Amino acid sequence: MTLGVIGKKLGMTQIFNEEGLAVPVTVVKVAPIVVTQVKTVETDGYNAIQVGTIEAKEKHLTKAQLGHFKKNNLSNYRHLQEFRIDNPQDYKVGQEIELSVLANAEKVDVTGISIGKGFQGTVKRWNFSRGPMAHGSKNHREPGSIGAGTTPSRVIKGKRMAGNMGNERVTISKLRLVKVDSENGLVLIKGSVPGCEGRLVTIVPSRTKWNK
């Protein structure tokens, strides 16, 4: 992962490009992020920087978190996150990361927690085909057989069945970056991004190959 920014999804709207065409965009309000820890191969076994965003009150944090911030003479932050980078030595604790990291990016990868849809059946969750809709049918939206009886006499792990849908970490790659408004701290991304309004999303410049 490369260095990016963290922001709050505000919602969707549309803007008009130079050709006069309406472009649907998602607006993300990027909060200031501050380097709270620098990690290197020598000290932690890998290269990364830890950043914090959204200032918090002491009563909302644990003693370990408060000690972490106090040790580095930093304000208290509610959200901490790491970015794996190749040059952590170029950053210092307390340094603020600006929107300039997206200045030369044409496409970005956006990561967030998808909208939770609760408990759903196999038709909605996995796009299973439904059964016959005739009056005599006893199977309209049932999942059907989930395995043989004698062999293997159990349900194989990973079987697609009904269950909780959504509310999981999702990354959408190579979304077009329409506009970066550094003055107001806004980022406009073409199309939709994961998560509901008000959720935090991570935006990093897209690469030709995405590595998890």
C-alpha atoms as a PDB file:
ATOM      1  CA  MET A   1       0.000   0.000   0.000  1.00  0.00           C
ATOM      2  CA  THR A   2       1.132   3.516  -0.756  1.00  0.00           C
ATOM      3  CA  LEU A   3       0.538   6.613   1.321  1.00  0.00           C
ATOM      4  CA  GLY A   4      -2.965   8.049   1.080  1.00  0.00           C
ATOM      5  CA  VAL A   5      -5.540  10.043   3.003  1.00  0.00           C
ATOM      6  CA  ILE A   6      -8.521   9.283   5.264  1.00  0.00           C
ATOM      7  CA  GLY A   7     -11.829  11.063   4.916  1.00  0.00           C
ATOM      8  CA  LYS A   8     -15.528  10.982   5.744  1.00  0.00           C
ATOM      9  CA  LYS A   9     -17.992  10.079   3.013  1.00  0.00           C
ATOM     10  CA  LEU A  10     -20.481  12.955   2.686  1.00  0.00           C
ATOM     11  CA  GLY A  11     -22.666  11.573  -0.089  1.00  0.00           C
ATOM     12  CA  MET A  12     -23.136  11.707  -3.850  1.00  0.00           C
ATOM     13  CA  THR A  13     -23.888  14.532  -6.258  1.00  0.00           C
ATOM     14  CA  GLN A  14     -23.069  15.431  -9.839  1.00  0.00           C
ATOM     15  CA  ILE A  15     -20.859  17.997 -11.530  1.00  0.00           C
ATOM     16  CA  PHE A  16     -20.470  19.069 -15.140  1.00  0.00           C
ATOM     17  CA  ASN A  17     -17.189  18.497 -16.942  1.00  0.00           C
ATOM     18  CA  GLU A  18     -15.613  20.675 -19.618  1.00  0.00           C
ATOM     19  CA  GLU A  19     -17.734  19.009 -22.296  1.00  0.00           C
ATOM     20  CA  GLY A  20     -20.937  19.816 -20.451  1.00  0.00           C
ATOM     21  CA  LEU A  21     -21.646  16.216 -19.454  1.00  0.00           C
ATOM     22  CA  ALA A  22     -22.979  15.390 -15.990  1.00  0.00           C
ATOM     23  CA  VAL A  23     -20.551  13.240 -13.975  1.00  0.00           C
ATOM     24  CA  PRO A  24     -21.808  11.403 -10.860  1.00  0.00           C
ATOM     25  CA  VAL A  25     -19.327  11.849  -8.017  1.00  0.00           C
ATOM     26  CA  THR A  26     -18.923  10.891  -4.379  1.00  0.00           C
ATOM     27  CA  VAL A  27     -17.780  13.729  -2.105  1.00  0.00           C
ATOM     28  CA  VAL A  28     -15.289  12.844   0.644  1.00  0.00           C
ATOM     29  CA  LYS A  29     -14.330  15.325   3.350  1.00  0.00           C
ATOM     30  CA  VAL A  30     -10.676  14.657   4.168  1.00  0.00           C
ATOM     31  CA  ALA A  31      -9.717  15.333   7.756  1.00  0.00           C
ATOM     32  CA  PRO A  32      -6.132  16.292   8.690  1.00  0.00           C
ATOM     33  CA  ILE A  33      -4.040  13.221   9.465  1.00  0.00           C
ATOM     34  CA  VAL A  34      -0.940  13.317  11.654  1.00  0.00           C
ATOM     35  CA  VAL A  35       1.924  10.832  11.844  1.00  0.00           C
ATOM     36  CA  THR A  36       1.748   9.185  15.282  1.00  0.00           C
ATOM     37  CA  GLN A  37       4.436   6.502  14.850  1.00  0.00           C
ATOM     38  CA  VAL A  38       7.167   5.541  12.389  1.00  0.00           C
ATOM     39  CA  LYS A  39       7.886   1.838  11.943  1.00  0.00           C
ATOM     40  CA  THR A  40      10.956   0.384  10.242  1.00  0.00           C
ATOM     41  CA  VAL A  41      12.306  -3.085   9.544  1.00  0.00           C
ATOM     42  CA  GLU A  42      14.897  -2.648  12.300  1.00  0.00           C
ATOM     43  CA  THR A  43      12.398  -1.696  15.018  1.00  0.00           C
ATOM     44  CA  ASP A  44       9.151  -3.438  14.050  1.00  0.00           C
ATOM     45  CA  GLY A  45      10.008  -5.872  11.259  1.00  0.00           C
ATOM     46  CA  TYR A  46       8.331  -3.901   8.459  1.00  0.00           C
ATOM     47  CA  ASN A  47       8.179  -0.403   7.011  1.00  0.00           C
ATOM     48  CA  ALA A  48       5.087   1.682   7.745  1.00  0.00           C
ATOM     49  CA  ILE A  49       3.820   4.861   9.304  1.00  0.00           C
ATOM     50  CA  GLN A  50       0.906   5.078  11.714  1.00  0.00           C
ATOM     51  CA  VAL A  51      -1.393   8.070  11.353  1.00  0.00           C
ATOM     52  CA  GLY A  52      -4.200   9.438  13.492  1.00  0.00           C
ATOM     53  CA  THR A  53      -7.279  11.452  12.627  1.00  0.00           C
ATOM     54  CA  ILE A  54     -10.352  12.909  14.379  1.00  0.00           C
ATOM     55  CA  GLU A  55      -9.396  14.306  17.766  1.00  0.00           C
ATOM     56  CA  ALA A  56     -10.979  12.555  20.760  1.00  0.00           C
ATOM     57  CA  LYS A  57     -11.561  13.165  24.453  1.00  0.00           C
ATOM     58  CA  GLU A  58      -9.586  11.214  27.034  1.00  0.00           C
ATOM     59  CA  LYS A  59     -12.699   9.406  28.307  1.00  0.00           C
ATOM     60  CA  HIS A  60     -13.170   7.787  24.904  1.00  0.00           C
ATOM     61  CA  LEU A  61      -9.704   6.185  24.817  1.00  0.00           C
ATOM     62  CA  THR A  62      -7.938   3.415  26.710  1.00  0.00           C
ATOM     63  CA  LYS A  63      -4.951   3.972  28.994  1.00  0.00           C
ATOM     64  CA  ALA A  64      -2.667   2.346  26.433  1.00  0.00           C
ATOM     65  CA  GLN A  65      -3.834   4.748  23.727  1.00  0.00           C
ATOM     66  CA  LEU A  66      -3.462   7.755  26.024  1.00  0.00           C
ATOM     67  CA  GLY A  67       0.070   6.648  26.922  1.00  0.00           C
ATOM     68  CA  HIS A  68       0.936   6.227  23.262  1.00  0.00           C
ATOM     69  CA  PHE A  69      -0.071   9.800  22.466  1.00  0.00           C
ATOM     70  CA  LYS A  70       1.440  11.269  25.637  1.00  0.00           C
ATOM     71  CA  LYS A  71       4.779   9.607  24.938  1.00  0.00           C
ATOM     72  CA  ASN A  72       5.015  11.414  21.595  1.00  0.00           C
ATOM     73  CA  ASN A  73       3.504  14.709  22.844  1.00  0.00           C
ATOM     74  CA  LEU A  74       0.543  14.408  20.494  1.00  0.00           C
ATOM     75  CA  SER A  75      -3.149  15.207  20.700  1.00  0.00           C
ATOM     76  CA  ASN A  76      -5.562  12.341  21.284  1.00  0.00           C
ATOM     77  CA  TYR A  77      -6.998  10.761  18.138  1.00  0.00           C
ATOM     78  CA  ARG A  78      -9.988   8.496  17.797  1.00  0.00           C
ATOM     79  CA  HIS A  79      -8.919   6.658  14.625  1.00  0.00           C
ATOM     80  CA  LEU A  80      -5.469   5.140  14.040  1.00  0.00           C
ATOM     81  CA  GLN A  81      -4.354   3.493  10.822  1.00  0.00           C
ATOM     82  CA  GLU A  82      -1.152   2.300   9.176  1.00  0.00           C
ATOM     83  CA  PHE A  83       0.145   2.856   5.662  1.00  0.00           C
ATOM     84  CA  ARG A  84       2.863   0.519   4.446  1.00  0.00           C
ATOM     85  CA  ILE A  85       5.467   2.544   2.584  1.00  0.00           C
ATOM     86  CA  ASP A  86       9.027   2.037   1.395  1.00  0.00           C
ATOM     87  CA  ASN A  87      10.494   5.229   2.889  1.00  0.00           C
ATOM     88  CA  PRO A  88       9.241   5.652   6.475  1.00  0.00           C
ATOM     89  CA  GLN A  89      12.469   7.448   7.399  1.00  0.00           C
ATOM     90  CA  ASP A  90      11.254  10.459   5.402  1.00  0.00           C
ATOM     91  CA  TYR A  91       8.479  11.112   7.919  1.00  0.00           C
ATOM     92  CA  LYS A  92       8.560  12.341  11.503  1.00  0.00           C
ATOM     93  CA  VAL A  93       6.134  11.966  14.392  1.00  0.00           C
ATOM     94  CA  GLY A  94       3.788  14.943  14.461  1.00  0.00           C
ATOM     95  CA  GLN A  95       4.102  15.636  10.737  1.00  0.00           C
ATOM     96  CA  GLU A  96       0.808  16.378   8.976  1.00  0.00           C
ATOM     97  CA  ILE A  97      -0.052  14.554   5.764  1.00  0.00           C
ATOM     98  CA  GLU A  98      -1.702  16.844   3.228  1.00  0.00           C
ATOM     99  CA  LEU A  99      -3.873  16.267   0.161  1.00  0.00           C
ATOM    100  CA  SER A 100      -0.814  16.796  -2.014  1.00  0.00           C
ATOM    101  CA  VAL A 101      -0.227  13.012  -1.886  1.00  0.00           C
ATOM    102  CA  LEU A 102      -3.093  12.752  -4.402  1.00  0.00           C
ATOM    103  CA  ALA A 103      -1.877  15.609  -6.598  1.00  0.00           C
ATOM    104  CA  ASN A 104      -0.559  13.467  -9.463  1.00  0.00           C
ATOM    105  CA  ALA A 105      -3.065  10.621  -9.160  1.00  0.00           C
ATOM    106  CA  GLU A 106      -5.567  10.018 -11.956  1.00  0.00           C
ATOM    107  CA  LYS A 107      -7.150   6.938 -10.385  1.00  0.00           C
ATOM    108  CA  VAL A 108      -7.471   5.896  -6.746  1.00  0.00           C
ATOM    109  CA  ASP A 109      -8.289   2.829  -4.657  1.00  0.00           C
ATOM    110  CA  VAL A 110     -10.974   3.431  -2.024  1.00  0.00           C
ATOM    111  CA  THR A 111     -11.387   1.179   1.026  1.00  0.00           C
ATOM    112  CA  GLY A 112     -14.279   1.296   3.460  1.00  0.00           C
ATOM    113  CA  ILE A 113     -16.820  -0.745   5.412  1.00  0.00           C
ATOM    114  CA  SER A 114     -19.732  -1.635   3.133  1.00  0.00           C
ATOM    115  CA  ILE A 115     -23.346  -0.910   4.049  1.00  0.00           C
ATOM    116  CA  GLY A 116     -24.788  -3.658   6.244  1.00  0.00           C
ATOM    117  CA  LYS A 117     -27.921  -5.326   4.854  1.00  0.00           C
ATOM    118  CA  GLY A 118     -28.668  -7.675   7.743  1.00  0.00           C
ATOM    119  CA  PHE A 119     -29.564 -11.369   7.444  1.00  0.00           C
ATOM    120  CA  GLN A 120     -30.347 -12.242   3.826  1.00  0.00           C
ATOM    121  CA  GLY A 121     -31.246 -15.401   1.965  1.00  0.00           C
ATOM    122  CA  THR A 122     -29.257 -17.086  -0.776  1.00  0.00           C
ATOM    123  CA  VAL A 123     -31.148 -15.429  -3.641  1.00  0.00           C
ATOM    124  CA  LYS A 124     -30.215 -11.904  -2.541  1.00  0.00           C
ATOM    125  CA  ARG A 125     -26.853 -12.709  -0.970  1.00  0.00           C
ATOM    126  CA  TRP A 126     -25.407 -15.045  -3.624  1.00  0.00           C
ATOM    127  CA  ASN A 127     -27.689 -14.489  -6.634  1.00  0.00           C
ATOM    128  CA  PHE A 128     -29.072 -18.052  -6.473  1.00  0.00           C
ATOM    129  CA  SER A 129     -31.804 -18.889  -8.991  1.00  0.00           C
ATOM    130  CA  ARG A 130     -35.285 -19.250  -7.575  1.00  0.00           C
ATOM    131  CA  GLY A 131     -37.506 -22.300  -7.939  1.00  0.00           C
ATOM    132  CA  PRO A 132     -40.672 -22.611 -10.052  1.00  0.00           C
ATOM    133  CA  MET A 133     -43.364 -20.072  -9.203  1.00  0.00           C
ATOM    134  CA  ALA A 134     -46.240 -22.446 -10.045  1.00  0.00           C
ATOM    135  CA  HIS A 135     -48.921 -23.116  -7.423  1.00  0.00           C
ATOM    136  CA  GLY A 136     -47.726 -26.649  -6.756  1.00  0.00           C
ATOM    137  CA  SER A 137     -44.115 -25.640  -6.125  1.00  0.00           C
ATOM    138  CA  LYS A 138     -42.815 -25.907  -2.561  1.00  0.00           C
ATOM    139  CA  ASN A 139     -39.541 -24.166  -3.407  1.00  0.00           C
ATOM    140  CA  HIS A 140     -39.688 -20.529  -4.429  1.00  0.00           C
ATOM    141  CA  ARG A 141     -36.634 -19.023  -2.699  1.00  0.00           C
ATOM    142  CA  GLU A 142     -35.282 -21.929  -0.648  1.00  0.00           C
ATOM    143  CA  PRO A 143     -31.559 -22.775  -0.940  1.00  0.00           C
ATOM    144  CA  GLY A 144     -32.063 -26.436  -1.858  1.00  0.00           C
ATOM    145  CA  SER A 145     -29.665 -29.259  -0.991  1.00  0.00           C
ATOM    146  CA  ILE A 146     -26.571 -28.340   1.025  1.00  0.00           C
ATOM    147  CA  GLY A 147     -24.730 -31.676   0.648  1.00  0.00           C
ATOM    148  CA  ALA A 148     -24.991 -35.456   0.444  1.00  0.00           C
ATOM    149  CA  GLY A 149     -26.307 -37.480   3.392  1.00  0.00           C
ATOM    150  CA  THR A 150     -24.021 -40.503   3.653  1.00  0.00           C
ATOM    151  CA  THR A 151     -20.844 -39.039   2.180  1.00  0.00           C
ATOM    152  CA  PRO A 152     -19.466 -36.772   3.543  1.00  0.00           C
ATOM    153  CA  SER A 153     -22.302 -36.593   6.128  1.00  0.00           C
ATOM    154  CA  ARG A 154     -21.569 -32.959   6.874  1.00  0.00           C
ATOM    155  CA  VAL A 155     -21.763 -29.509   5.320  1.00  0.00           C
ATOM    156  CA  ILE A 156     -18.535 -28.525   3.575  1.00  0.00           C
ATOM    157  CA  LYS A 157     -16.906 -25.359   4.940  1.00  0.00           C
ATOM    158  CA  GLY A 158     -17.408 -22.310   2.763  1.00  0.00           C
ATOM    159  CA  LYS A 159     -20.813 -23.417   1.490  1.00  0.00           C
ATOM    160  CA  ARG A 160     -22.768 -20.419   0.219  1.00  0.00           C
ATOM    161  CA  MET A 161     -25.767 -20.123   2.497  1.00  0.00           C
ATOM    162  CA  ALA A 162     -28.021 -17.496   4.041  1.00  0.00           C
ATOM    163  CA  GLY A 163     -26.375 -15.151   6.545  1.00  0.00           C
ATOM    164  CA  ASN A 164     -25.268 -11.622   7.314  1.00  0.00           C
ATOM    165  CA  MET A 165     -24.712  -9.546   4.189  1.00  0.00           C
ATOM    166  CA  GLY A 166     -22.534  -6.459   3.942  1.00  0.00           C
ATOM    167  CA  ASN A 167     -20.780  -4.657   6.825  1.00  0.00           C
ATOM    168  CA  GLU A 168     -17.361  -5.875   5.694  1.00  0.00           C
ATOM    169  CA  ARG A 169     -14.135  -4.285   4.497  1.00  0.00           C
ATOM    170  CA  VAL A 170     -14.311  -3.612   0.765  1.00  0.00           C
ATOM    171  CA  THR A 171     -11.838  -2.060  -1.678  1.00  0.00           C
ATOM    172  CA  ILE A 172     -12.838  -0.653  -5.061  1.00  0.00           C
ATOM    173  CA  SER A 173      -9.833  -0.147  -7.321  1.00  0.00           C
ATOM    174  CA  LYS A 174      -9.091   2.312 -10.118  1.00  0.00           C
ATOM    175  CA  LEU A 175     -11.826   4.878  -9.528  1.00  0.00           C
ATOM    176  CA  ARG A 176     -11.273   8.099 -11.439  1.00  0.00           C
ATOM    177  CA  LEU A 177     -10.244  11.078  -9.326  1.00  0.00           C
ATOM    178  CA  VAL A 178     -12.322  13.966 -10.637  1.00  0.00           C
ATOM    179  CA  LYS A 179     -11.211  16.855  -8.411  1.00  0.00           C
ATOM    180  CA  VAL A 180      -9.117  17.644  -5.343  1.00  0.00           C
ATOM    181  CA  ASP A 181     -10.162  20.794  -3.467  1.00  0.00           C
ATOM    182  CA  SER A 182      -7.266  21.368  -1.077  1.00  0.00           C
ATOM    183  CA  GLU A 183      -8.701  24.652   0.209  1.00  0.00           C
ATOM    184  CA  ASN A 184     -11.897  23.029   1.513  1.00  0.00           C
ATOM    185  CA  GLY A 185     -10.432  19.560   2.091  1.00  0.00           C
ATOM    186  CA  LEU A 186     -12.743  17.834  -0.400  1.00  0.00           C
ATOM    187  CA  VAL A 187     -12.069  14.962  -2.790  1.00  0.00           C
ATOM    188  CA  LEU A 188     -14.477  14.162  -5.642  1.00  0.00           C
ATOM    189  CA  ILE A 189     -14.392  10.597  -6.961  1.00  0.00           C
ATOM    190  CA  LYS A 190     -16.370   9.377  -9.957  1.00  0.00           C
ATOM    191  CA  GLY A 191     -19.038   6.811  -9.068  1.00  0.00           C
ATOM    192  CA  SER A 192     -19.853   5.255  -5.718  1.00  0.00           C
ATOM    193  CA  VAL A 193     -17.494   4.207  -2.935  1.00  0.00           C
ATOM    194  CA  PRO A 194     -18.020   1.639  -0.146  1.00  0.00           C
ATOM    195  CA  GLY A 195     -19.873   2.575   3.013  1.00  0.00           C
ATOM    196  CA  CYS A 196     -22.770   4.705   4.160  1.00  0.00           C
ATOM    197  CA  GLU A 197     -22.698   8.459   4.622  1.00  0.00           C
ATOM    198  CA  GLY A 198     -20.569   9.508   7.576  1.00  0.00           C
ATOM    199  CA  ARG A 199     -18.253   6.472   7.455  1.00  0.00           C
ATOM    200  CA  LEU A 200     -14.501   6.827   7.123  1.00  0.00           C
ATOM    201  CA  VAL A 201     -12.868   5.716   3.872  1.00  0.00           C
ATOM    202  CA  THR A 202      -9.225   5.390   2.885  1.00  0.00           C
ATOM    203  CA  ILE A 203      -8.081   6.819  -0.449  1.00  0.00           C
ATOM    204  CA  VAL A 204      -4.714   5.853  -1.939  1.00  0.00           C
ATOM    205  CA  PRO A 205      -3.306   6.452  -5.440  1.00  0.00           C
ATOM    206  CA  SER A 206      -4.070   3.467  -7.640  1.00  0.00           C
ATOM    207  CA  ARG A 207      -1.295   1.268  -8.966  1.00  0.00           C
ATOM    208  CA  THR A 208      -1.247  -0.967 -12.039  1.00  0.00           C
ATOM    209  CA  LYS A 209      -1.414  -4.017  -9.791  1.00  0.00           C
ATOM    210  CA  TRP A 210      -3.236  -4.120  -6.448  1.00  0.00           C
ATOM    211  CA  ASN A 211      -1.495  -6.058  -3.699  1.00  0.00           C
ATOM    212  CA  LYS A 212      -3.501  -6.935  -0.605  1.00  0.00           C
END
